[in-house]
Amino acid sequence: MGVKIFIVSDFTGETAEHVAKAATSQFNGKDSEMVRFRYVNNQDRLMEIIRRAQGENALIIATLVDHQLRNLLAKEAKIHHIDFIDVLGPILGTLEKKIGTPPRETPGLMRRMDEEYFRRVKAIEFAIKCDDGKSPELLKDADIVLVGVSRSGKTPLAMYLAHKGLMVANMPLVPESPPPGELYEVEGERIIGLTIDPAKLRRIREERLRVLGLDPGVSMYARQERIEEELGYAKKIMEELKAKIFDVTNKAVEETAQEIMDYLNL
């Protein structure tokens, strides 16, 4: 004999369908027909499905987070002798006892969390592609473009903001290398300039050179006059771009990130 399975859910029904397919696969998936009823969120709709299930002798497999709908389905299935499997009810009930608080009963939360996760992954991939001036053709897709001199914290800030789901590119400003034309096509409100105290920047650069095994005393990279030249050039470019400028001196990445998000109302 064939079996008809009604998949009933207050969201897409994918969870219940996966469970049903996992079970029917143990019977080689033969002689089973699945009908999916999505976004069932009121009693009238549920009663229609129950009447149809009774008429077609269908098995109901349900993932309903609303306890009232779940209880109604259980009650009516018993009255009308309909085979019914409640996928979420027992789990939610046990978790409620263990945790001590009732479930939110909001359909689709797992899917929303999945979407948030993939949004962050996409943002991180974007930040890597657009790190340190790479892929200027993608600047048009950025939520935020960070600009500043070397060692002003652009990359860690971009990665932190990317973990918040924001598409962030960062562009170094160097006197000998003019910014790409694509940067001037970005709206000024999306461009964030980072500036830093020259003495602080010098210490950061000196430490970076030591880590690389180089002598800070012989490198132009950490000389005061070079740093002041770069910062002056960067300020000029930021003003041309109409960028909002943030001073990152002695600030944690998290603090600067929050200031930027507050400024952009994110």
Protein backbone atom coordinates (compact mmCIF):
# COMPACT_ATOMS: atom_id res chain seq x y z
CA MET A 1 0.00 0.00 0.00
CA GLY A 2 1.12 3.53 -0.74
CA VAL A 3 1.28 6.18 1.96
CA LYS A 4 0.49 9.85 1.65
CA ILE A 5 2.37 12.17 3.96
CA PHE A 6 1.21 15.70 4.72
CA ILE A 7 4.05 18.00 5.76
CA VAL A 8 2.54 20.78 7.89
CA SER A 9 4.59 23.78 9.00
CA ASP A 10 4.18 27.40 10.03
CA PHE A 11 7.26 28.20 7.94
CA THR A 12 8.72 26.45 4.87
CA GLY A 13 8.32 22.86 6.08
CA GLU A 14 11.85 21.88 5.12
CA THR A 15 12.66 20.44 8.55
CA ALA A 16 9.62 18.16 8.59
CA GLU A 17 10.24 17.11 5.01
CA HIS A 18 13.86 16.20 5.77
CA VAL A 19 12.67 14.06 8.69
CA ALA A 20 10.05 12.38 6.50
CA LYS A 21 12.54 11.66 3.73
CA ALA A 22 15.06 10.28 6.20
CA ALA A 23 12.40 7.90 7.51
CA THR A 24 10.96 6.84 4.14
CA SER A 25 14.48 6.20 2.79
CA GLN A 26 14.59 3.23 5.16
CA PHE A 27 11.83 1.75 3.04
CA ASN A 28 13.64 2.54 -0.22
CA GLY A 29 11.44 5.63 -0.56
CA LYS A 30 8.82 3.61 -2.38
CA ASP A 31 5.08 4.19 -2.49
CA SER A 32 5.15 7.47 -0.58
CA GLU A 33 3.78 10.80 -1.71
CA MET A 34 4.57 13.98 0.17
CA VAL A 35 2.41 17.07 0.12
CA ARG A 36 3.86 20.15 1.79
CA PHE A 37 1.61 22.74 3.48
CA ARG A 38 3.67 25.86 4.23
CA TYR A 39 3.02 28.92 6.39
CA VAL A 40 0.10 27.36 8.27
CA ASN A 41 -0.51 30.06 10.87
CA ASN A 42 -4.22 29.99 11.69
CA GLN A 43 -6.82 27.50 12.87
CA ASP A 44 -9.03 27.69 9.76
CA ARG A 45 -6.15 26.70 7.50
CA LEU A 46 -5.17 23.91 9.86
CA MET A 47 -8.72 22.52 9.96
CA GLU A 48 -8.82 22.42 6.15
CA ILE A 49 -5.67 20.31 6.16
CA ILE A 50 -7.05 18.01 8.86
CA ARG A 51 -10.25 17.40 6.87
CA ARG A 52 -8.25 16.65 3.75
CA ALA A 53 -5.91 14.33 5.64
CA GLN A 54 -8.91 12.42 6.98
CA GLY A 55 -10.37 12.08 3.49
CA GLU A 56 -7.11 10.92 1.95
CA ASN A 57 -5.98 8.75 4.88
CA ALA A 58 -2.75 10.76 5.12
CA LEU A 59 -0.07 10.73 7.77
CA ILE A 60 0.63 14.23 9.13
CA ILE A 61 4.17 15.18 10.07
CA ALA A 62 4.23 18.66 11.57
CA THR A 63 6.71 21.29 12.72
CA LEU A 64 4.54 23.91 14.37
CA VAL A 65 6.11 26.23 16.95
CA ASP A 66 2.76 27.76 18.01
CA HIS A 67 1.58 25.59 20.90
CA GLN A 68 -2.09 26.42 20.28
CA LEU A 69 -1.95 25.19 16.69
CA ARG A 70 0.11 22.20 17.77
CA ASN A 71 -2.39 21.26 20.47
CA LEU A 72 -5.34 21.73 18.10
CA LEU A 73 -3.71 19.45 15.54
CA ALA A 74 -3.03 16.79 18.16
CA LYS A 75 -6.60 16.98 19.46
CA GLU A 76 -8.27 16.85 16.03
CA ALA A 77 -5.96 14.09 14.79
CA LYS A 78 -6.97 11.95 17.76
CA ILE A 79 -10.69 12.65 17.25
CA HIS A 80 -10.57 11.81 13.54
CA HIS A 81 -8.14 8.88 13.89
CA ILE A 82 -5.44 10.58 11.81
CA ASP A 83 -1.86 9.38 12.23
CA PHE A 84 0.11 12.39 13.46
CA ILE A 85 3.78 12.94 14.31
CA ASP A 86 4.72 16.11 16.18
CA VAL A 87 8.39 16.77 15.42
CA LEU A 88 9.01 19.87 17.55
CA GLY A 89 6.51 19.60 20.41
CA PRO A 90 8.33 17.05 22.61
CA ILE A 91 11.68 18.80 22.09
CA LEU A 92 10.28 22.23 22.89
CA GLY A 93 8.52 20.91 25.98
CA THR A 94 11.65 19.25 27.33
CA LEU A 95 13.82 22.29 26.62
CA GLU A 96 11.29 24.54 28.35
CA LYS A 97 11.56 22.42 31.49
CA LYS A 98 15.35 22.33 31.35
CA ILE A 99 15.88 26.01 30.54
CA GLY A 100 13.04 27.36 32.64
CA THR A 101 11.64 29.76 30.05
CA PRO A 102 9.03 29.22 27.33
CA PRO A 103 10.01 29.12 23.65
CA ARG A 104 9.56 32.24 21.53
CA GLU A 105 7.16 30.44 19.17
CA THR A 106 8.39 32.49 16.20
CA PRO A 107 8.46 30.54 12.92
CA GLY A 108 11.61 30.53 10.81
CA LEU A 109 14.17 31.55 13.45
CA MET A 110 16.66 28.89 12.39
CA ARG A 111 16.48 30.02 8.77
CA ARG A 112 17.00 33.61 9.85
CA MET A 113 20.04 32.59 11.87
CA ASP A 114 21.38 30.67 8.87
CA GLU A 115 20.90 33.71 6.65
CA GLU A 116 22.71 35.90 9.17
CA TYR A 117 25.59 33.43 9.28
CA PHE A 118 25.97 33.34 5.50
CA ARG A 119 25.71 37.12 5.35
CA ARG A 120 28.69 37.37 7.71
CA VAL A 121 30.64 34.80 5.71
CA LYS A 122 29.99 36.75 2.52
CA ALA A 123 31.08 39.98 4.21
CA ILE A 124 34.31 38.40 5.47
CA GLU A 125 35.10 37.07 2.00
CA PHE A 126 34.47 40.55 0.61
CA ALA A 127 36.80 42.16 3.18
CA ILE A 128 39.57 39.72 2.23
CA LYS A 129 39.09 40.37 -1.49
CA CYS A 130 39.17 44.13 -0.92
CA ASP A 131 41.96 44.26 1.64
CA ASP A 132 44.77 46.80 1.25
CA GLY A 133 43.51 48.26 -2.03
CA LYS A 134 42.84 45.01 -3.85
CA SER A 135 39.86 44.65 -6.23
CA PRO A 136 39.00 48.38 -6.61
CA GLU A 137 36.26 47.39 -9.05
CA LEU A 138 34.32 46.04 -6.05
CA LEU A 139 34.30 49.35 -4.17
CA LYS A 140 30.87 50.14 -5.59
CA ASP A 141 29.48 47.16 -3.65
CA ALA A 142 30.97 48.15 -0.29
CA ASP A 143 28.89 49.34 2.63
CA ILE A 144 31.99 51.04 4.00
CA VAL A 145 35.34 51.98 2.48
CA LEU A 146 38.13 52.59 5.00
CA VAL A 147 41.00 54.81 3.93
CA GLY A 148 44.17 55.72 5.80
CA VAL A 149 47.94 55.41 5.96
CA SER A 150 49.77 52.16 6.60
CA ARG A 151 49.39 50.75 10.15
CA SER A 152 46.38 52.93 11.00
CA GLY A 153 44.34 49.78 11.70
CA LYS A 154 42.37 49.46 8.48
CA THR A 155 42.54 45.67 8.10
CA PRO A 156 41.59 44.62 11.66
CA LEU A 157 38.79 47.20 11.66
CA ALA A 158 37.52 45.95 8.29
CA MET A 159 37.50 42.35 9.53
CA TYR A 160 35.72 43.31 12.76
CA LEU A 161 33.01 45.15 10.83
CA ALA A 162 32.75 42.24 8.39
CA HIS A 163 31.95 39.95 11.32
CA LYS A 164 29.00 42.28 11.91
CA GLY A 165 27.82 41.48 8.38
CA LEU A 166 29.04 44.70 6.73
CA MET A 167 30.74 44.71 3.33
CA VAL A 168 33.97 46.61 4.00
CA ALA A 169 36.85 47.48 1.70
CA ASN A 170 40.02 49.25 2.78
CA MET A 171 42.35 51.42 0.74
CA PRO A 172 45.86 52.57 1.73
CA LEU A 173 46.75 56.19 1.07
CA VAL A 174 50.36 56.58 -0.07
CA PRO A 175 51.80 59.76 -1.63
CA GLU A 176 53.57 57.83 -4.40
CA SER A 177 50.45 55.87 -5.38
CA PRO A 178 47.32 57.91 -6.22
CA PRO A 179 44.00 56.26 -5.23
CA PRO A 180 42.16 54.42 -8.02
CA GLY A 181 39.46 56.28 -9.88
CA GLU A 182 36.82 53.89 -8.51
CA LEU A 183 37.35 55.37 -5.04
CA TYR A 184 36.18 58.78 -6.23
CA GLU A 185 32.96 57.22 -7.49
CA VAL A 186 31.97 56.09 -3.97
CA GLU A 187 29.56 58.36 -2.07
CA GLY A 188 31.36 60.36 0.61
CA GLU A 189 29.11 59.10 3.40
CA ARG A 190 30.33 55.55 2.76
CA ILE A 191 33.99 56.51 3.04
CA ILE A 192 35.59 56.47 6.48
CA GLY A 193 38.99 58.05 6.96
CA LEU A 194 41.27 56.86 9.74
CA THR A 195 43.85 59.19 11.24
CA ILE A 196 46.28 58.68 14.11
CA ASP A 197 48.74 60.67 16.20
CA PRO A 198 52.13 60.80 14.41
CA ALA A 199 54.14 59.79 17.49
CA LYS A 200 51.86 56.82 18.13
CA LEU A 201 52.06 55.76 14.50
CA ARG A 202 55.85 55.97 14.61
CA ARG A 203 55.99 53.61 17.60
CA ILE A 204 53.64 51.17 15.86
CA ARG A 205 55.75 51.20 12.69
CA GLU A 206 59.00 50.81 14.61
CA GLU A 207 57.60 47.76 16.37
CA ARG A 208 56.41 46.34 13.07
CA LEU A 209 59.89 46.69 11.59
CA ARG A 210 61.46 44.96 14.59
CA VAL A 211 59.04 42.06 14.22
CA LEU A 212 60.18 41.77 10.60
CA GLY A 213 63.82 41.77 11.71
CA LEU A 214 64.55 45.20 10.27
CA ASP A 215 66.28 48.19 11.85
CA PRO A 216 63.78 51.04 12.45
CA GLY A 217 66.64 53.52 12.57
CA VAL A 218 67.52 53.11 8.90
CA SER A 219 64.03 52.81 7.41
CA MET A 220 62.12 55.77 6.00
CA TYR A 221 58.93 53.91 6.95
CA ALA A 222 59.27 54.90 10.61
CA ARG A 223 60.86 58.32 10.26
CA GLN A 224 58.91 61.22 11.70
CA GLU A 225 59.11 63.41 8.60
CA ARG A 226 57.86 60.56 6.40
CA ILE A 227 54.96 59.83 8.72
CA GLU A 228 53.90 63.47 8.83
CA GLU A 229 54.11 63.64 5.03
CA GLU A 230 51.86 60.59 4.70
CA LEU A 231 49.34 61.85 7.24
CA GLY A 232 49.18 65.24 5.52
CA TYR A 233 48.65 63.59 2.14
CA ALA A 234 45.99 61.28 3.57
CA LYS A 235 44.10 64.19 5.11
CA LYS A 236 44.09 66.00 1.77
CA ILE A 237 42.67 62.93 -0.02
CA MET A 238 40.06 62.36 2.69
CA GLU A 239 38.86 65.92 2.34
CA GLU A 240 38.64 65.50 -1.44
CA LEU A 241 36.57 62.37 -0.93
CA LYS A 242 34.37 64.11 1.66
CA ALA A 243 35.12 61.26 4.02
CA LYS A 244 34.14 61.21 7.68
CA ILE A 245 37.40 61.13 9.64
CA PHE A 246 37.89 59.15 12.87
CA ASP A 247 40.95 59.43 15.10
CA VAL A 248 42.00 55.90 16.12
CA THR A 249 44.82 56.93 18.46
CA ASN A 250 44.81 54.68 21.56
CA LYS A 251 41.39 53.27 20.65
CA ALA A 252 40.45 49.61 20.56
CA VAL A 253 39.11 48.24 17.28
CA GLU A 254 35.74 47.62 18.93
CA GLU A 255 35.49 51.24 20.08
CA THR A 256 36.21 52.68 16.63
CA ALA A 257 33.87 50.19 15.00
CA GLN A 258 31.03 51.22 17.29
CA GLU A 259 31.66 54.91 16.57
CA ILE A 260 31.51 54.20 12.84
CA MET A 261 28.31 52.16 13.13
CA ASP A 262 26.71 54.87 15.25
CA TYR A 263 27.68 57.47 12.66
CA LEU A 264 26.17 55.37 9.86
CA ASN A 265 23.12 54.40 11.96
CA LEU A 266 23.92 50.71 11.53
